[in-house]
Amino acid sequence: MSNEHGNLIKNPKQLIIMVFACFFVPLVIILLLLVYVNNGKRGDSSGAADQLIKPVGQLNFKDASAPRELQTGEQVYKTVCASCHVSGAAGAPKFGDAGAWAARLGKGYDGLLTTVLKGKGAMPARGGASPADISDYELGRAVVYLANSAGGKLAEPKAPELTK
C-alpha cells in the first residue's frame, strides 16, 4: 500500500486545534442562527397572541343583596335572542324581517309572550334564559323590541310593582 495522502494531523498541537474546532465551530454557528432568528421582524404581539389565548368563558359575579336592575328589550334581545334571530337559525324569524313576522304579529303581544315563555319548535322555553336572570317582564320587553323591529306597533308592557 502506498502512503500517498498521509495523515492530516501530524502533531499533538494540530490534534488539539481540530478537537476544539470540531466542538466550537458548530456551537458558534448554532448561536449565530439563534441570534438571526430572534432578531427577525416581530409583529404586534397584542393582536394575534391575545386572540389565541383569550378566555373561553367569563364569570360575572353579582351581589345577591343589590337591587335588581331591569334590562331593556334591546339588552335582552342581544343577550338571549340574537343568537338565533340574527341569522334565522332553526327557522327563527330574522330581526327586522317584516315578511317573516307578519303572521306572528297577528297573535298580538299576549300570544307572542306565551310562545316565548313556553317555547315553540327549536326555541326553548324562555328562549333558554333562566327565570332567575331574566324576568317575564324583561322577556315581554324583548318581544316588543323584536316585533316592533319588523313593523309591529306593540306597546311596552307595564313595569311590575317592586316590593320592598
C-alpha atoms as a PDB file:
ATOM      1  CA  MET A   1       0.000   0.000   0.000  1.00  0.00           C
ATOM      2  CA  SER A   2       1.147   3.392  -0.830  1.00  0.00           C
ATOM      3  CA  ASN A   3       1.136   6.216   1.611  1.00  0.00           C
ATOM      4  CA  GLU A   4       0.228   8.941  -0.893  1.00  0.00           C
ATOM      5  CA  HIS A   5      -2.062  11.101   1.192  1.00  0.00           C
ATOM      6  CA  GLY A   6      -0.716  10.592   4.668  1.00  0.00           C
ATOM      7  CA  ASN A   7      -2.274  11.808   7.914  1.00  0.00           C
ATOM      8  CA  LEU A   8      -3.731  15.305   8.159  1.00  0.00           C
ATOM      9  CA  ILE A   9      -2.814  15.601  11.818  1.00  0.00           C
ATOM     10  CA  LYS A  10       0.922  15.359  12.233  1.00  0.00           C
ATOM     11  CA  ASN A  11       1.494  16.560  15.836  1.00  0.00           C
ATOM     12  CA  PRO A  12      -0.401  16.947  19.154  1.00  0.00           C
ATOM     13  CA  LYS A  13      -0.886  20.690  18.631  1.00  0.00           C
ATOM     14  CA  GLN A  14      -2.862  20.042  15.417  1.00  0.00           C
ATOM     15  CA  LEU A  15      -4.907  17.398  17.256  1.00  0.00           C
ATOM     16  CA  ILE A  16      -5.918  19.852  19.983  1.00  0.00           C
ATOM     17  CA  ILE A  17      -6.850  22.504  17.383  1.00  0.00           C
ATOM     18  CA  MET A  18      -9.022  20.035  15.455  1.00  0.00           C
ATOM     19  CA  VAL A  19     -10.833  18.868  18.621  1.00  0.00           C
ATOM     20  CA  PHE A  20     -11.634  22.460  19.605  1.00  0.00           C
ATOM     21  CA  ALA A  21     -12.659  23.340  16.041  1.00  0.00           C
ATOM     22  CA  CYS A  22     -14.983  20.342  15.808  1.00  0.00           C
ATOM     23  CA  PHE A  23     -16.660  21.370  19.066  1.00  0.00           C
ATOM     24  CA  PHE A  24     -16.741  25.169  18.921  1.00  0.00           C
ATOM     25  CA  VAL A  25     -17.419  25.838  15.221  1.00  0.00           C
ATOM     26  CA  PRO A  26     -20.862  24.100  15.253  1.00  0.00           C
ATOM     27  CA  LEU A  27     -21.635  25.787  18.586  1.00  0.00           C
ATOM     28  CA  VAL A  28     -20.839  29.241  17.164  1.00  0.00           C
ATOM     29  CA  ILE A  29     -22.935  28.510  14.059  1.00  0.00           C
ATOM     30  CA  ILE A  30     -25.913  27.481  16.203  1.00  0.00           C
ATOM     31  CA  LEU A  31     -25.604  30.616  18.352  1.00  0.00           C
ATOM     32  CA  LEU A  32     -25.439  32.844  15.277  1.00  0.00           C
ATOM     33  CA  LEU A  33     -28.532  31.172  13.840  1.00  0.00           C
ATOM     34  CA  LEU A  34     -30.386  31.747  17.127  1.00  0.00           C
ATOM     35  CA  VAL A  35     -29.464  35.418  17.117  1.00  0.00           C
ATOM     36  CA  TYR A  36     -30.538  35.732  13.474  1.00  0.00           C
ATOM     37  CA  VAL A  37     -33.924  34.085  14.098  1.00  0.00           C
ATOM     38  CA  ASN A  38     -34.641  36.078  17.275  1.00  0.00           C
ATOM     39  CA  ASN A  39     -33.828  39.412  15.660  1.00  0.00           C
ATOM     40  CA  GLY A  40     -36.311  38.905  12.831  1.00  0.00           C
ATOM     41  CA  LYS A  41     -39.293  41.205  12.422  1.00  0.00           C
ATOM     42  CA  ARG A  42     -41.752  40.827  15.222  1.00  0.00           C
ATOM     43  CA  GLY A  43     -45.334  41.849  14.657  1.00  0.00           C
ATOM     44  CA  ASP A  44     -47.620  43.448  17.199  1.00  0.00           C
ATOM     45  CA  SER A  45     -47.879  40.738  19.816  1.00  0.00           C
ATOM     46  CA  SER A  46     -51.074  42.145  21.319  1.00  0.00           C
ATOM     47  CA  GLY A  47     -53.233  41.235  18.298  1.00  0.00           C
ATOM     48  CA  ALA A  48     -52.602  37.631  17.299  1.00  0.00           C
ATOM     49  CA  ALA A  49     -51.316  36.331  20.620  1.00  0.00           C
ATOM     50  CA  ASP A  50     -54.210  37.806  22.601  1.00  0.00           C
ATOM     51  CA  GLN A  51     -56.641  36.285  20.140  1.00  0.00           C
ATOM     52  CA  LEU A  52     -55.061  32.852  20.607  1.00  0.00           C
ATOM     53  CA  ILE A  53     -55.020  32.929  24.402  1.00  0.00           C
ATOM     54  CA  LYS A  54     -58.310  34.702  25.109  1.00  0.00           C
ATOM     55  CA  PRO A  55     -60.517  33.032  27.699  1.00  0.00           C
ATOM     56  CA  VAL A  56     -63.311  30.776  26.527  1.00  0.00           C
ATOM     57  CA  GLY A  57     -65.756  31.908  29.195  1.00  0.00           C
ATOM     58  CA  GLN A  58     -66.111  34.631  31.740  1.00  0.00           C
ATOM     59  CA  LEU A  59     -67.621  34.611  35.198  1.00  0.00           C
ATOM     60  CA  ASN A  60     -69.722  37.574  36.216  1.00  0.00           C
ATOM     61  CA  PHE A  61     -70.373  37.662  39.927  1.00  0.00           C
ATOM     62  CA  LYS A  62     -73.413  39.591  41.088  1.00  0.00           C
ATOM     63  CA  ASP A  63     -74.192  40.920  44.511  1.00  0.00           C
ATOM     64  CA  ALA A  64     -77.269  38.999  45.601  1.00  0.00           C
ATOM     65  CA  SER A  65     -78.317  41.731  48.015  1.00  0.00           C
ATOM     66  CA  ALA A  66     -78.059  44.512  45.409  1.00  0.00           C
ATOM     67  CA  PRO A  67     -81.292  45.864  43.942  1.00  0.00           C
ATOM     68  CA  ARG A  68     -82.158  44.284  40.639  1.00  0.00           C
ATOM     69  CA  GLU A  69     -81.891  46.469  37.552  1.00  0.00           C
ATOM     70  CA  LEU A  70     -84.361  45.641  34.821  1.00  0.00           C
ATOM     71  CA  GLN A  71     -82.959  45.194  31.330  1.00  0.00           C
ATOM     72  CA  THR A  72     -84.374  46.896  28.267  1.00  0.00           C
ATOM     73  CA  GLY A  73     -85.850  44.908  25.405  1.00  0.00           C
ATOM     74  CA  GLU A  74     -82.758  45.567  23.318  1.00  0.00           C
ATOM     75  CA  GLN A  75     -80.438  44.314  26.065  1.00  0.00           C
ATOM     76  CA  VAL A  76     -82.444  41.105  26.482  1.00  0.00           C
ATOM     77  CA  TYR A  77     -82.531  40.642  22.703  1.00  0.00           C
ATOM     78  CA  LYS A  78     -78.732  40.974  22.481  1.00  0.00           C
ATOM     79  CA  THR A  79     -78.051  38.543  25.339  1.00  0.00           C
ATOM     80  CA  VAL A  80     -80.758  35.909  24.759  1.00  0.00           C
ATOM     81  CA  CYS A  81     -82.473  36.224  21.384  1.00  0.00           C
ATOM     82  CA  ALA A  82     -79.816  37.460  18.950  1.00  0.00           C
ATOM     83  CA  SER A  83     -78.032  34.123  18.655  1.00  0.00           C
ATOM     84  CA  CYS A  84     -80.930  32.751  16.603  1.00  0.00           C
ATOM     85  CA  HIS A  85     -82.876  35.782  15.384  1.00  0.00           C
ATOM     86  CA  VAL A  86     -79.917  37.491  13.681  1.00  0.00           C
ATOM     87  CA  SER A  87     -79.195  34.563  11.367  1.00  0.00           C
ATOM     88  CA  GLY A  88     -82.619  32.956  11.284  1.00  0.00           C
ATOM     89  CA  ALA A  89     -81.261  29.726  12.761  1.00  0.00           C
ATOM     90  CA  ALA A  90     -83.691  26.786  13.013  1.00  0.00           C
ATOM     91  CA  GLY A  91     -86.483  28.756  11.351  1.00  0.00           C
ATOM     92  CA  ALA A  92     -86.404  31.713  13.744  1.00  0.00           C
ATOM     93  CA  PRO A  93     -87.765  34.870  12.107  1.00  0.00           C
ATOM     94  CA  LYS A  94     -84.928  37.309  11.476  1.00  0.00           C
ATOM     95  CA  PHE A  95     -84.713  40.620  13.252  1.00  0.00           C
ATOM     96  CA  GLY A  96     -86.458  43.288  11.187  1.00  0.00           C
ATOM     97  CA  ASP A  97     -87.871  40.844   8.575  1.00  0.00           C
ATOM     98  CA  ALA A  98     -91.440  42.106   8.173  1.00  0.00           C
ATOM     99  CA  GLY A  99     -92.444  39.171   5.948  1.00  0.00           C
ATOM    100  CA  ALA A 100     -91.396  36.543   8.464  1.00  0.00           C
ATOM    101  CA  TRP A 101     -93.047  38.391  11.359  1.00  0.00           C
ATOM    102  CA  ALA A 102     -96.337  39.255   9.609  1.00  0.00           C
ATOM    103  CA  ALA A 103     -98.253  36.115  10.616  1.00  0.00           C
ATOM    104  CA  ARG A 104     -96.752  36.137  14.107  1.00  0.00           C
ATOM    105  CA  LEU A 105     -97.738  39.754  14.749  1.00  0.00           C
ATOM    106  CA  GLY A 106    -101.373  38.738  14.268  1.00  0.00           C
ATOM    107  CA  LYS A 107    -101.205  36.836  17.569  1.00  0.00           C
ATOM    108  CA  GLY A 108    -100.686  40.085  19.446  1.00  0.00           C
ATOM    109  CA  TYR A 109     -98.481  40.731  22.429  1.00  0.00           C
ATOM    110  CA  ASP A 110    -100.062  38.076  24.687  1.00  0.00           C
ATOM    111  CA  GLY A 111     -99.769  35.341  22.058  1.00  0.00           C
ATOM    112  CA  LEU A 112     -96.129  36.182  21.319  1.00  0.00           C
ATOM    113  CA  LEU A 113     -95.229  36.337  25.017  1.00  0.00           C
ATOM    114  CA  THR A 114     -96.904  32.961  25.639  1.00  0.00           C
ATOM    115  CA  THR A 115     -94.901  31.463  22.777  1.00  0.00           C
ATOM    116  CA  VAL A 116     -91.670  32.840  24.261  1.00  0.00           C
ATOM    117  CA  LEU A 117     -92.472  31.627  27.778  1.00  0.00           C
ATOM    118  CA  LYS A 118     -93.492  28.111  26.689  1.00  0.00           C
ATOM    119  CA  GLY A 119     -91.175  27.729  23.694  1.00  0.00           C
ATOM    120  CA  LYS A 120     -92.008  26.623  20.175  1.00  0.00           C
ATOM    121  CA  GLY A 121     -90.217  24.402  17.676  1.00  0.00           C
ATOM    122  CA  ALA A 122     -86.475  24.693  18.217  1.00  0.00           C
ATOM    123  CA  MET A 123     -86.836  27.656  20.598  1.00  0.00           C
ATOM    124  CA  PRO A 124     -86.660  26.501  24.216  1.00  0.00           C
ATOM    125  CA  ALA A 125     -88.943  27.931  26.870  1.00  0.00           C
ATOM    126  CA  ARG A 126     -87.973  31.474  27.823  1.00  0.00           C
ATOM    127  CA  GLY A 127     -85.517  31.452  24.919  1.00  0.00           C
ATOM    128  CA  GLY A 128     -83.214  29.363  27.101  1.00  0.00           C
ATOM    129  CA  ALA A 129     -82.902  32.063  29.765  1.00  0.00           C
ATOM    130  CA  SER A 130     -83.222  31.307  33.451  1.00  0.00           C
ATOM    131  CA  PRO A 131     -86.087  32.958  35.371  1.00  0.00           C
ATOM    132  CA  ALA A 132     -83.511  33.997  37.965  1.00  0.00           C
ATOM    133  CA  ASP A 133     -81.625  36.000  35.342  1.00  0.00           C
ATOM    134  CA  ILE A 134     -84.411  37.421  33.165  1.00  0.00           C
ATOM    135  CA  SER A 135     -87.951  38.087  34.349  1.00  0.00           C
ATOM    136  CA  ASP A 136     -91.161  37.672  32.371  1.00  0.00           C
ATOM    137  CA  TYR A 137     -91.408  41.457  32.166  1.00  0.00           C
ATOM    138  CA  GLU A 138     -87.953  41.703  30.586  1.00  0.00           C
ATOM    139  CA  LEU A 139     -88.846  38.943  28.102  1.00  0.00           C
ATOM    140  CA  GLY A 140     -92.001  40.914  27.288  1.00  0.00           C
ATOM    141  CA  ARG A 141     -89.882  43.972  26.546  1.00  0.00           C
ATOM    142  CA  ALA A 142     -87.736  41.844  24.221  1.00  0.00           C
ATOM    143  CA  VAL A 143     -90.886  40.606  22.452  1.00  0.00           C
ATOM    144  CA  VAL A 144     -91.982  44.206  21.878  1.00  0.00           C
ATOM    145  CA  TYR A 145     -88.499  45.162  20.650  1.00  0.00           C
ATOM    146  CA  LEU A 146     -88.362  42.257  18.182  1.00  0.00           C
ATOM    147  CA  ALA A 147     -91.936  42.696  16.930  1.00  0.00           C
ATOM    148  CA  ASN A 148     -91.600  46.465  16.505  1.00  0.00           C
ATOM    149  CA  SER A 149     -88.373  45.992  14.533  1.00  0.00           C
ATOM    150  CA  ALA A 150     -90.443  44.195  11.899  1.00  0.00           C
ATOM    151  CA  GLY A 151     -93.153  46.843  11.682  1.00  0.00           C
ATOM    152  CA  GLY A 152     -95.302  45.873  14.655  1.00  0.00           C
ATOM    153  CA  LYS A 153     -96.865  48.545  16.815  1.00  0.00           C
ATOM    154  CA  LEU A 154     -96.885  46.817  20.183  1.00  0.00           C
ATOM    155  CA  ALA A 155     -96.907  48.931  23.335  1.00  0.00           C
ATOM    156  CA  GLU A 156     -94.256  48.466  26.004  1.00  0.00           C
ATOM    157  CA  PRO A 157     -95.609  46.275  28.852  1.00  0.00           C
ATOM    158  CA  LYS A 158     -96.279  47.895  32.221  1.00  0.00           C
ATOM    159  CA  ALA A 159     -93.486  47.550  34.734  1.00  0.00           C
ATOM    160  CA  PRO A 160     -94.190  45.268  37.704  1.00  0.00           C
ATOM    161  CA  GLU A 161     -94.527  46.851  41.090  1.00  0.00           C
ATOM    162  CA  LEU A 162     -91.383  46.462  43.148  1.00  0.00           C
ATOM    163  CA  THR A 163     -91.886  45.065  46.627  1.00  0.00           C
ATOM    164  CA  LYS A 164     -89.637  46.169  49.427  1.00  0.00           C
END
